[in-house]
C-alpha atoms as a PDB file:
ATOM      1  CA  MET A   1     -50.129   6.742  19.084  1.00  0.00           C
ATOM      2  CA  GLY A   2     -47.753   7.761  21.538  1.00  0.00           C
ATOM      3  CA  MET A   3     -45.177   4.797  22.859  1.00  0.00           C
ATOM      4  CA  THR A   4     -44.145   4.649  26.321  1.00  0.00           C
ATOM      5  CA  LEU A   5     -40.465   3.583  27.356  1.00  0.00           C
ATOM      6  CA  ALA A   6     -41.520   0.420  28.192  1.00  0.00           C
ATOM      7  CA  ASP A   7     -43.123  -0.367  24.394  1.00  0.00           C
ATOM      8  CA  ILE A   8     -39.383   0.895  22.921  1.00  0.00           C
ATOM      9  CA  LYS A   9     -37.324  -1.240  25.024  1.00  0.00           C
ATOM     10  CA  VAL A  10     -39.262  -4.228  23.890  1.00  0.00           C
ATOM     11  CA  GLN A  11     -39.189  -3.532  21.048  1.00  0.00           C
ATOM     12  CA  GLU A  12     -35.497  -2.815  21.447  1.00  0.00           C
ATOM     13  CA  GLU A  13     -35.359  -6.627  22.577  1.00  0.00           C
ATOM     14  CA  LYS A  14     -37.161  -7.477  19.867  1.00  0.00           C
ATOM     15  CA  LEU A  15     -34.505  -6.918  17.225  1.00  0.00           C
ATOM     16  CA  LYS A  16     -31.223  -7.223  18.684  1.00  0.00           C
ATOM     17  CA  LYS A  17     -32.681 -11.246  18.835  1.00  0.00           C
ATOM     18  CA  GLU A  18     -33.557 -11.209  15.162  1.00  0.00           C
ATOM     19  CA  GLN A  19     -30.136  -9.668  14.515  1.00  0.00           C
ATOM     20  CA  ALA A  20     -28.516 -12.076  16.560  1.00  0.00           C
ATOM     21  CA  LYS A  21     -30.392 -14.926  14.545  1.00  0.00           C
ATOM     22  CA  LEU A  22     -29.972 -13.101  11.063  1.00  0.00           C
ATOM     23  CA  ARG A  23     -25.614 -13.136  12.348  1.00  0.00           C
ATOM     24  CA  GLN A  24     -26.325 -16.831  13.026  1.00  0.00           C
ATOM     25  CA  GLN A  25     -28.185 -18.152   9.828  1.00  0.00           C
ATOM     26  CA  LYS A  26     -25.625 -15.910   7.573  1.00  0.00           C
ATOM     27  CA  LYS A  27     -22.821 -17.643   9.690  1.00  0.00           C
ATOM     28  CA  ARG A  28     -23.828 -20.830   9.221  1.00  0.00           C
ATOM     29  CA  LEU A  29     -24.257 -19.966   5.172  1.00  0.00           C
ATOM     30  CA  ILE A  30     -20.933 -18.693   5.149  1.00  0.00           C
ATOM     31  CA  GLU A  31     -19.725 -21.882   6.739  1.00  0.00           C
ATOM     32  CA  LYS A  32     -21.683 -24.131   4.173  1.00  0.00           C
ATOM     33  CA  GLU A  33     -20.531 -22.174   1.557  1.00  0.00           C
ATOM     34  CA  ASN A  34     -16.878 -22.433   1.896  1.00  0.00           C
ATOM     35  CA  ALA A  35     -16.885 -25.817   2.952  1.00  0.00           C
ATOM     36  CA  ALA A  36     -18.910 -26.424  -0.639  1.00  0.00           C
ATOM     37  CA  MET A  37     -15.946 -24.334  -1.958  1.00  0.00           C
ATOM     38  CA  GLY A  38     -13.229 -25.778  -0.214  1.00  0.00           C
ATOM     39  CA  LYS A  39     -14.623 -29.411  -0.980  1.00  0.00           C
ATOM     40  CA  ALA A  40     -14.361 -28.193  -4.756  1.00  0.00           C
ATOM     41  CA  LEU A  41     -10.951 -27.092  -4.524  1.00  0.00           C
ATOM     42  CA  ARG A  42      -9.960 -29.975  -2.767  1.00  0.00           C
ATOM     43  CA  LYS A  43     -11.540 -32.316  -5.747  1.00  0.00           C
ATOM     44  CA  ARG A  44      -9.923 -30.240  -8.106  1.00  0.00           C
ATOM     45  CA  PHE A  45      -6.559 -29.926  -6.942  1.00  0.00           C
ATOM     46  CA  GLY A  46      -6.102 -33.232  -5.973  1.00  0.00           C
ATOM     47  CA  PHE A  47      -5.923 -32.682  -1.397  1.00  0.00           C
ATOM     48  CA  GLU A  48      -7.016 -35.372   0.743  1.00  0.00           C
ATOM     49  CA  SER A  49      -8.302 -32.776   3.586  1.00  0.00           C
ATOM     50  CA  PHE A  50      -8.295 -29.332   4.419  1.00  0.00           C
ATOM     51  CA  ALA A  51      -5.355 -29.452   6.802  1.00  0.00           C
ATOM     52  CA  ASP A  52      -3.461 -31.109   3.059  1.00  0.00           C
ATOM     53  CA  PHE A  53      -4.833 -27.350   1.148  1.00  0.00           C
ATOM     54  CA  GLU A  54      -3.475 -24.797   4.286  1.00  0.00           C
ATOM     55  CA  ARG A  55       0.305 -26.865   4.356  1.00  0.00           C
ATOM     56  CA  TRP A  56       0.213 -25.929   0.116  1.00  0.00           C
ATOM     57  CA  LEU A  57      -1.115 -22.449   1.149  1.00  0.00           C
ATOM     58  CA  SER A  58       1.304 -21.683   3.898  1.00  0.00           C
ATOM     59  CA  SER A  59       4.276 -23.019   1.625  1.00  0.00           C
ATOM     60  CA  ILE A  60       3.505 -20.919  -1.375  1.00  0.00           C
ATOM     61  CA  SER A  61       2.965 -18.098   1.634  1.00  0.00           C
ATOM     62  CA  ASP A  62       6.223 -19.057   2.626  1.00  0.00           C
ATOM     63  CA  ASP A  63       7.797 -18.998  -0.853  1.00  0.00           C
ATOM     64  CA  GLN A  64       6.437 -15.701  -1.672  1.00  0.00           C
ATOM     65  CA  GLN A  65       7.648 -13.686   1.649  1.00  0.00           C
ATOM     66  CA  HIS A  66      11.003 -15.031   0.605  1.00  0.00           C
ATOM     67  CA  GLU A  67      11.236 -13.894  -2.742  1.00  0.00           C
ATOM     68  CA  LYS A  68       9.578 -10.935  -0.619  1.00  0.00           C
ATOM     69  CA  SER A  69      12.255 -10.341   1.307  1.00  0.00           C
ATOM     70  CA  VAL A  70      14.909 -10.874  -1.076  1.00  0.00           C
ATOM     71  CA  GLY A  71      13.736  -7.905  -3.551  1.00  0.00           C
ATOM     72  CA  ASN A  72      13.790  -5.738  -0.698  1.00  0.00           C
ATOM     73  CA  GLU A  73      17.583  -6.616  -0.042  1.00  0.00           C
ATOM     74  CA  LEU A  74      18.510  -6.203  -4.173  1.00  0.00           C
ATOM     75  CA  ARG A  75      16.001  -2.757  -3.997  1.00  0.00           C
ATOM     76  CA  ALA A  76      18.049  -1.685  -0.754  1.00  0.00           C
ATOM     77  CA  ASP A  77      21.328  -3.017  -2.643  1.00  0.00           C
ATOM     78  CA  GLU A  78      20.328  -0.932  -5.704  1.00  0.00           C
ATOM     79  CA  LYS A  79      19.547   2.676  -3.517  1.00  0.00           C
ATOM     80  CA  SER A  80      22.789   1.889  -1.844  1.00  0.00           C
ATOM     81  CA  ALA A  81      24.851   1.646  -5.036  1.00  0.00           C
ATOM     82  CA  PRO A  82      26.808   4.737  -6.549  1.00  0.00           C
ATOM     83  CA  SER A  83      24.078   6.365  -8.809  1.00  0.00           C
ATOM     84  CA  GLU A  84      25.536   7.206 -12.466  1.00  0.00           C
ATOM     85  CA  ARG A  85      24.145  11.021 -11.915  1.00  0.00           C
ATOM     86  CA  ASN A  86      26.366  13.433 -13.424  1.00  0.00           C
ATOM     87  CA  TYR A  87      26.835  16.107 -10.278  1.00  0.00           C
ATOM     88  CA  PRO A  88      28.411  19.415 -11.221  1.00  0.00           C
ATOM     89  CA  ASN A  89      31.860  20.247 -10.448  1.00  0.00           C
ATOM     90  CA  GLU A  90      33.559  22.629  -8.882  1.00  0.00           C
ATOM     91  CA  SER A  91      34.012  24.811 -11.682  1.00  0.00           C
ATOM     92  CA  ASP A  92      30.351  24.737 -12.706  1.00  0.00           C
ATOM     93  CA  GLY A  93      29.674  26.812  -9.658  1.00  0.00           C
ATOM     94  CA  ILE A  94      27.082  25.504  -6.981  1.00  0.00           C
ATOM     95  CA  PHE A  95      24.498  24.184  -8.506  1.00  0.00           C
ATOM     96  CA  GLY A  96      25.711  24.562 -12.030  1.00  0.00           C
ATOM     97  CA  GLY A  97      23.211  27.144 -12.952  1.00  0.00           C
ATOM     98  CA  ILE A  98      24.849  29.360 -10.706  1.00  0.00           C
ATOM     99  CA  PRO A  99      27.826  31.296 -12.068  1.00  0.00           C
ATOM    100  CA  ASN A 100      30.992  31.183 -10.318  1.00  0.00           C
ATOM    101  CA  ARG A 101      33.640  34.159 -10.813  1.00  0.00           C
ATOM    102  CA  LYS A 102      35.562  32.130 -13.498  1.00  0.00           C
ATOM    103  CA  SER A 103      32.336  32.284 -15.530  1.00  0.00           C
ATOM    104  CA  GLN A 104      31.990  34.670 -18.559  1.00  0.00           C
ATOM    105  CA  MET A 105      29.359  36.943 -17.765  1.00  0.00           C
ATOM    106  CA  SER A 106      30.335  40.428 -16.474  1.00  0.00           C
ATOM    107  CA  GLU A 107      29.498  41.830 -13.307  1.00  0.00           C
ATOM    108  CA  SER A 108      27.827  44.863 -15.552  1.00  0.00           C
ATOM    109  CA  GLY A 109      25.935  41.634 -17.420  1.00  0.00           C
ATOM    110  CA  PHE A 110      24.539  40.362 -14.380  1.00  0.00           C
ATOM    111  CA  ALA A 111      24.049  43.946 -13.067  1.00  0.00           C
ATOM    112  CA  SER A 112      21.656  44.908 -16.356  1.00  0.00           C
ATOM    113  CA  MET A 113      19.552  41.798 -16.179  1.00  0.00           C
ATOM    114  CA  PHE A 114      18.127  42.457 -12.636  1.00  0.00           C
ATOM    115  CA  SER A 115      17.940  46.144 -13.557  1.00  0.00           C
ATOM    116  CA  ASP A 116      15.906  44.911 -16.576  1.00  0.00           C
ATOM    117  CA  VAL A 117      14.064  42.673 -14.534  1.00  0.00           C
ATOM    118  CA  ASN A 118      13.276  45.718 -12.246  1.00  0.00           C
ATOM    119  CA  SER A 119      12.556  48.431 -14.941  1.00  0.00           C
ATOM    120  CA  ARG A 120       9.522  46.273 -16.154  1.00  0.00           C
END
């Protein structure tokens, strides 16, 4: 029933060898699938070799990178351009919603607002 330390080590070694074998099988299977897919893509799109396909892919990547950098420049220009928001004037108070001294609200009206709140 009981396993010794030596038995456990032997099992671990077997498992390691089995896992290495499975990794190699997986790697070969992926390589085989990639080769078949590459062959089909080359045939479909007319590439002579995988190197031709890589050059084409690289050129597309360069084009996309260029478009991305141009897009980033445009967005940066938009951010640095003055916006069309209407900012409050000084006559509107500090934030437009806070009455200033020129406001029509009297101090007594302002005080009555607070007394109503305090009485609740």
